């Protein structure tokens, strides 16, 4: 297989989990865009850009899974938009967690067969 094929597969694989990662990043603590990007990069090694993140957040807001609010950072004295999960978002994420665990287990079982 060509390197392009593998690279395209890898891109599609990451796209499929980014929404889940973004929601997980703000599960416990509301965060602004750069913070979400940093959390995902630090814990997964997946680097995403603002151009990828903000359309995901917009989609989540349209689905009423995420809301945002402007807050002033105490140490920087400037306002940032913080994103947080709604009640619906928490329920959706719980279901996503269950689906992810089941899928991950199935794939691991198959790969190790």
N, C-alpha and C. Protein backbone atom coordinates (compact mmCIF):
# COMPACT_ATOMS: atom_id res chain seq x y z
N UNK A 1 0.85 -1.18 0.00
CA UNK A 1 0.00 0.00 0.00
C UNK A 1 0.89 1.24 0.00
N UNK A 2 0.39 2.24 -0.63
CA UNK A 2 1.16 3.48 -0.73
C UNK A 2 1.12 4.24 0.59
N UNK A 3 2.11 5.09 0.77
CA UNK A 3 2.18 5.93 1.97
C UNK A 3 0.98 6.88 2.02
N UNK A 4 0.53 7.35 0.86
CA UNK A 4 -0.64 8.23 0.81
C UNK A 4 -1.89 7.52 1.34
N UNK A 5 -2.04 6.27 1.00
CA UNK A 5 -3.19 5.49 1.48
C UNK A 5 -3.18 5.41 2.99
N UNK A 6 -2.04 5.08 3.56
CA UNK A 6 -1.92 4.98 5.02
C UNK A 6 -2.15 6.34 5.68
N UNK A 7 -1.59 7.38 5.10
CA UNK A 7 -1.76 8.72 5.66
C UNK A 7 -3.23 9.13 5.62
N UNK A 8 -3.93 8.87 4.53
CA UNK A 8 -5.35 9.20 4.44
C UNK A 8 -6.18 8.39 5.44
N UNK A 9 -5.85 7.11 5.61
CA UNK A 9 -6.55 6.28 6.59
C UNK A 9 -6.36 6.85 7.99
N UNK A 10 -5.14 7.25 8.31
CA UNK A 10 -4.82 7.80 9.62
C UNK A 10 -5.61 9.09 9.86
N UNK A 11 -5.70 9.94 8.86
CA UNK A 11 -6.46 11.19 8.98
C UNK A 11 -7.93 10.89 9.25
N UNK A 12 -8.51 9.96 8.51
CA UNK A 12 -9.91 9.61 8.69
C UNK A 12 -10.16 8.99 10.06
N UNK A 13 -9.24 8.19 10.52
CA UNK A 13 -9.35 7.58 11.84
C UNK A 13 -9.40 8.65 12.92
N UNK A 14 -8.51 9.63 12.83
CA UNK A 14 -8.48 10.72 13.82
C UNK A 14 -9.74 11.56 13.75
N UNK A 15 -10.21 11.85 12.55
CA UNK A 15 -11.44 12.64 12.40
C UNK A 15 -12.60 11.97 13.11
N UNK A 16 -12.62 10.68 13.08
CA UNK A 16 -13.71 9.94 13.69
C UNK A 16 -13.76 10.03 15.20
N UNK A 17 -12.64 10.36 15.84
CA UNK A 17 -12.63 10.41 17.30
C UNK A 17 -12.47 11.83 17.86
N UNK A 18 -12.24 12.82 17.01
CA UNK A 18 -12.00 14.17 17.52
C UNK A 18 -13.18 14.74 18.30
N UNK A 19 -14.38 14.52 17.83
CA UNK A 19 -15.56 15.02 18.53
C UNK A 19 -15.61 14.44 19.94
N UNK A 20 -15.33 13.16 20.04
CA UNK A 20 -15.30 12.48 21.34
C UNK A 20 -14.21 13.06 22.23
N UNK A 21 -13.04 13.31 21.67
CA UNK A 21 -11.93 13.86 22.45
C UNK A 21 -12.24 15.27 22.93
N UNK A 22 -12.84 16.09 22.08
CA UNK A 22 -13.18 17.46 22.47
C UNK A 22 -14.17 17.44 23.63
N UNK A 23 -15.20 16.62 23.52
CA UNK A 23 -16.18 16.53 24.61
C UNK A 23 -15.53 16.03 25.89
N UNK A 24 -14.66 15.06 25.77
CA UNK A 24 -13.98 14.52 26.94
C UNK A 24 -13.07 15.57 27.58
N UNK A 25 -12.46 16.41 26.76
CA UNK A 25 -11.56 17.44 27.28
C UNK A 25 -12.27 18.45 28.16
N UNK A 26 -13.56 18.67 27.92
CA UNK A 26 -14.29 19.65 28.73
C UNK A 26 -15.29 19.00 29.68
N UNK A 27 -15.17 17.72 29.85
CA UNK A 27 -16.10 16.98 30.73
C UNK A 27 -16.05 17.50 32.17
N UNK A 28 -14.90 17.63 32.74
CA UNK A 28 -14.78 17.97 34.16
C UNK A 28 -14.58 19.46 34.41
N UNK A 29 -14.05 20.17 33.40
CA UNK A 29 -13.72 21.57 33.62
C UNK A 29 -13.90 22.35 32.32
N UNK A 30 -14.66 23.43 32.38
CA UNK A 30 -14.82 24.25 31.18
C UNK A 30 -13.44 24.76 30.74
N UNK A 31 -13.26 24.89 29.44
CA UNK A 31 -11.96 25.26 28.89
C UNK A 31 -12.13 26.13 27.66
N UNK A 32 -11.13 26.95 27.41
CA UNK A 32 -11.12 27.75 26.18
C UNK A 32 -10.41 26.96 25.09
N UNK A 33 -10.52 27.43 23.87
CA UNK A 33 -10.03 26.68 22.71
C UNK A 33 -8.59 26.21 22.82
N UNK A 34 -7.68 27.12 23.14
CA UNK A 34 -6.27 26.74 23.23
C UNK A 34 -6.02 25.70 24.30
N UNK A 35 -6.77 25.78 25.36
CA UNK A 35 -6.65 24.81 26.46
C UNK A 35 -7.13 23.42 26.01
N UNK A 36 -8.21 23.39 25.25
CA UNK A 36 -8.72 22.11 24.73
C UNK A 36 -7.68 21.48 23.82
N UNK A 37 -7.12 22.29 22.93
CA UNK A 37 -6.09 21.80 22.01
C UNK A 37 -4.90 21.24 22.79
N UNK A 38 -4.46 21.96 23.81
CA UNK A 38 -3.32 21.52 24.63
C UNK A 38 -3.61 20.23 25.39
N UNK A 39 -4.82 20.12 25.97
CA UNK A 39 -5.19 18.91 26.71
C UNK A 39 -5.16 17.69 25.79
N UNK A 40 -5.72 17.84 24.60
CA UNK A 40 -5.76 16.71 23.66
C UNK A 40 -4.35 16.34 23.23
N UNK A 41 -3.54 17.31 22.91
CA UNK A 41 -2.16 17.06 22.47
C UNK A 41 -1.35 16.40 23.59
N UNK A 42 -1.49 16.91 24.81
CA UNK A 42 -0.71 16.40 25.94
C UNK A 42 -1.06 14.96 26.29
N UNK A 43 -2.32 14.60 26.17
CA UNK A 43 -2.74 13.27 26.60
C UNK A 43 -2.78 12.23 25.50
N UNK A 44 -2.93 12.67 24.24
CA UNK A 44 -3.05 11.71 23.14
C UNK A 44 -1.93 11.81 22.11
N UNK A 45 -1.26 12.96 22.08
CA UNK A 45 -0.26 13.19 21.05
C UNK A 45 -0.87 13.67 19.74
N UNK A 46 -2.19 13.78 19.69
CA UNK A 46 -2.86 14.23 18.48
C UNK A 46 -2.88 15.75 18.47
N UNK A 47 -2.29 16.32 17.43
CA UNK A 47 -2.25 17.77 17.29
C UNK A 47 -3.41 18.22 16.41
N UNK A 48 -4.25 19.07 16.96
CA UNK A 48 -5.32 19.64 16.16
C UNK A 48 -5.14 21.15 16.12
N UNK A 49 -5.71 21.76 15.11
CA UNK A 49 -5.59 23.20 14.94
C UNK A 49 -6.91 23.86 15.33
N UNK A 50 -6.86 25.18 15.46
CA UNK A 50 -8.09 25.93 15.73
C UNK A 50 -9.08 25.74 14.58
N UNK A 51 -8.56 25.62 13.36
CA UNK A 51 -9.41 25.41 12.20
C UNK A 51 -10.15 24.09 12.22
N UNK A 52 -9.66 23.16 13.00
CA UNK A 52 -10.34 21.88 13.19
C UNK A 52 -11.25 21.94 14.42
N UNK A 53 -10.75 22.56 15.48
CA UNK A 53 -11.49 22.59 16.75
C UNK A 53 -12.79 23.38 16.67
N UNK A 54 -12.74 24.59 16.15
CA UNK A 54 -13.91 25.46 16.24
C UNK A 54 -15.11 24.96 15.43
N UNK A 55 -14.93 24.34 14.27
CA UNK A 55 -16.10 23.74 13.62
C UNK A 55 -16.72 22.60 14.45
N UNK A 56 -15.89 21.86 15.16
CA UNK A 56 -16.41 20.80 16.04
C UNK A 56 -17.23 21.42 17.17
N UNK A 57 -16.70 22.47 17.79
CA UNK A 57 -17.42 23.14 18.87
C UNK A 57 -18.72 23.76 18.35
N UNK A 58 -18.69 24.31 17.15
CA UNK A 58 -19.91 24.87 16.56
C UNK A 58 -20.96 23.79 16.36
N UNK A 59 -20.54 22.65 15.87
CA UNK A 59 -21.47 21.53 15.67
C UNK A 59 -22.05 21.08 17.01
N UNK A 60 -21.21 20.98 18.02
CA UNK A 60 -21.68 20.56 19.35
C UNK A 60 -22.66 21.58 19.94
N UNK A 61 -22.42 22.86 19.69
CA UNK A 61 -23.35 23.89 20.15
C UNK A 61 -24.69 23.78 19.43
N UNK A 62 -24.66 23.50 18.14
CA UNK A 62 -25.89 23.35 17.37
C UNK A 62 -26.72 22.16 17.86
N UNK A 63 -26.04 21.16 18.38
CA UNK A 63 -26.71 19.97 18.92
C UNK A 63 -27.07 20.12 20.39
N UNK A 64 -26.80 21.29 20.97
CA UNK A 64 -27.08 21.60 22.37
C UNK A 64 -26.32 20.70 23.34
N UNK A 65 -25.15 20.26 22.90
CA UNK A 65 -24.30 19.45 23.77
C UNK A 65 -23.28 20.30 24.50
N UNK A 66 -22.98 21.46 23.93
CA UNK A 66 -21.97 22.36 24.48
C UNK A 66 -22.52 23.78 24.49
N UNK A 67 -22.19 24.52 25.52
CA UNK A 67 -22.47 25.94 25.58
C UNK A 67 -21.16 26.67 25.84
N UNK A 68 -21.19 27.97 25.66
CA UNK A 68 -19.98 28.74 25.92
C UNK A 68 -20.34 29.99 26.71
N UNK A 69 -19.34 30.52 27.38
CA UNK A 69 -19.52 31.78 28.11
C UNK A 69 -18.17 32.51 28.13
N UNK A 70 -18.26 33.82 28.08
CA UNK A 70 -17.05 34.64 28.16
C UNK A 70 -16.68 34.80 29.62
N UNK A 71 -15.40 34.59 29.91
CA UNK A 71 -14.90 34.74 31.28
C UNK A 71 -13.58 35.49 31.24
N UNK A 72 -13.32 36.25 32.28
CA UNK A 72 -12.06 36.97 32.37
C UNK A 72 -11.06 36.11 33.12
N UNK A 73 -9.90 35.91 32.50
CA UNK A 73 -8.83 35.17 33.16
C UNK A 73 -8.24 36.05 34.25
N UNK A 74 -8.15 35.52 35.44
CA UNK A 74 -7.66 36.29 36.58
C UNK A 74 -6.22 36.76 36.38
N UNK A 75 -5.36 35.90 35.87
CA UNK A 75 -3.96 36.25 35.77
C UNK A 75 -3.61 37.04 34.50
N UNK A 76 -4.49 37.03 33.51
CA UNK A 76 -4.17 37.71 32.25
C UNK A 76 -5.05 38.92 31.99
N UNK A 77 -6.11 39.07 32.75
CA UNK A 77 -6.99 40.22 32.65
C UNK A 77 -7.58 40.41 31.25
N UNK A 78 -7.84 39.31 30.56
CA UNK A 78 -8.52 39.38 29.28
C UNK A 78 -9.62 38.32 29.24
N UNK A 79 -10.59 38.54 28.39
CA UNK A 79 -11.73 37.62 28.31
C UNK A 79 -11.45 36.52 27.29
N UNK A 80 -11.88 35.33 27.63
CA UNK A 80 -11.80 34.17 26.74
C UNK A 80 -13.14 33.47 26.77
N UNK A 81 -13.44 32.82 25.65
CA UNK A 81 -14.67 32.05 25.57
C UNK A 81 -14.38 30.64 26.07
N UNK A 82 -15.09 30.26 27.13
CA UNK A 82 -14.94 28.94 27.72
C UNK A 82 -16.12 28.07 27.29
N UNK A 83 -15.81 26.82 27.01
CA UNK A 83 -16.82 25.86 26.56
C UNK A 83 -17.05 24.83 27.65
N UNK A 84 -18.30 24.41 27.79
CA UNK A 84 -18.65 23.41 28.80
C UNK A 84 -19.80 22.55 28.29
N UNK A 85 -19.89 21.34 28.83
CA UNK A 85 -20.94 20.41 28.43
C UNK A 85 -22.26 20.78 29.09
N UNK A 86 -23.33 20.61 28.36
CA UNK A 86 -24.68 20.76 28.90
C UNK A 86 -25.10 19.42 29.51
N UNK A 87 -26.27 19.38 30.12
CA UNK A 87 -26.80 18.11 30.61
C UNK A 87 -26.93 17.11 29.48
N UNK A 88 -27.44 17.58 28.34
CA UNK A 88 -27.56 16.71 27.18
C UNK A 88 -26.17 16.24 26.74
N UNK A 89 -25.21 17.14 26.74
CA UNK A 89 -23.85 16.79 26.34
C UNK A 89 -23.25 15.72 27.23
N UNK A 90 -23.49 15.83 28.53
CA UNK A 90 -23.01 14.80 29.46
C UNK A 90 -23.64 13.45 29.17
N UNK A 91 -24.93 13.45 28.85
CA UNK A 91 -25.61 12.20 28.51
C UNK A 91 -25.08 11.60 27.22
N UNK A 92 -24.86 12.45 26.22
CA UNK A 92 -24.30 11.99 24.93
C UNK A 92 -22.90 11.44 25.15
N UNK A 93 -22.10 12.14 25.94
CA UNK A 93 -20.74 11.68 26.18
C UNK A 93 -20.72 10.35 26.93
N UNK A 94 -21.63 10.17 27.86
CA UNK A 94 -21.71 8.88 28.56
C UNK A 94 -22.00 7.75 27.57
N UNK A 95 -22.92 8.00 26.65
CA UNK A 95 -23.23 7.00 25.64
C UNK A 95 -22.03 6.77 24.70
N UNK A 96 -21.34 7.84 24.36
CA UNK A 96 -20.14 7.72 23.53
C UNK A 96 -19.07 6.89 24.25
N UNK A 97 -18.91 7.13 25.55
CA UNK A 97 -17.96 6.34 26.36
C UNK A 97 -18.26 4.85 26.25
N UNK A 98 -19.53 4.51 26.41
CA UNK A 98 -19.93 3.10 26.35
C UNK A 98 -19.66 2.51 24.97
N UNK A 99 -20.00 3.27 23.92
CA UNK A 99 -19.77 2.80 22.56
C UNK A 99 -18.28 2.66 22.26
N UNK A 100 -17.49 3.63 22.72
CA UNK A 100 -16.05 3.58 22.50
C UNK A 100 -15.43 2.35 23.18
N UNK A 101 -15.83 2.12 24.43
CA UNK A 101 -15.29 0.97 25.16
C UNK A 101 -15.64 -0.34 24.47
N UNK A 102 -16.89 -0.45 24.02
CA UNK A 102 -17.32 -1.67 23.33
C UNK A 102 -16.57 -1.85 22.01
N UNK A 103 -16.43 -0.79 21.25
CA UNK A 103 -15.72 -0.87 19.98
C UNK A 103 -14.25 -1.21 20.21
N UNK A 104 -13.64 -0.54 21.15
CA UNK A 104 -12.23 -0.78 21.46
C UNK A 104 -12.01 -2.24 21.86
N UNK A 105 -12.88 -2.76 22.72
CA UNK A 105 -12.77 -4.15 23.15
C UNK A 105 -12.92 -5.10 21.97
N UNK A 106 -13.91 -4.85 21.12
CA UNK A 106 -14.13 -5.70 19.94
C UNK A 106 -12.93 -5.70 19.01
N UNK A 107 -12.38 -4.54 18.75
CA UNK A 107 -11.22 -4.45 17.86
C UNK A 107 -10.02 -5.15 18.48
N UNK A 108 -9.78 -4.94 19.76
CA UNK A 108 -8.65 -5.60 20.45
C UNK A 108 -8.82 -7.11 20.41
N UNK A 109 -10.03 -7.59 20.65
CA UNK A 109 -10.26 -9.03 20.60
C UNK A 109 -9.99 -9.59 19.22
N UNK A 110 -10.43 -8.86 18.20
CA UNK A 110 -10.22 -9.31 16.84
C UNK A 110 -8.74 -9.30 16.45
N UNK A 111 -8.06 -8.22 16.78
CA UNK A 111 -6.65 -8.07 16.44
C UNK A 111 -5.80 -9.14 17.14
N UNK A 112 -6.18 -9.46 18.36
CA UNK A 112 -5.42 -10.44 19.14
C UNK A 112 -5.91 -11.88 18.95
N UNK A 113 -6.85 -12.11 18.05
CA UNK A 113 -7.42 -13.42 17.79
C UNK A 113 -6.37 -14.35 17.22
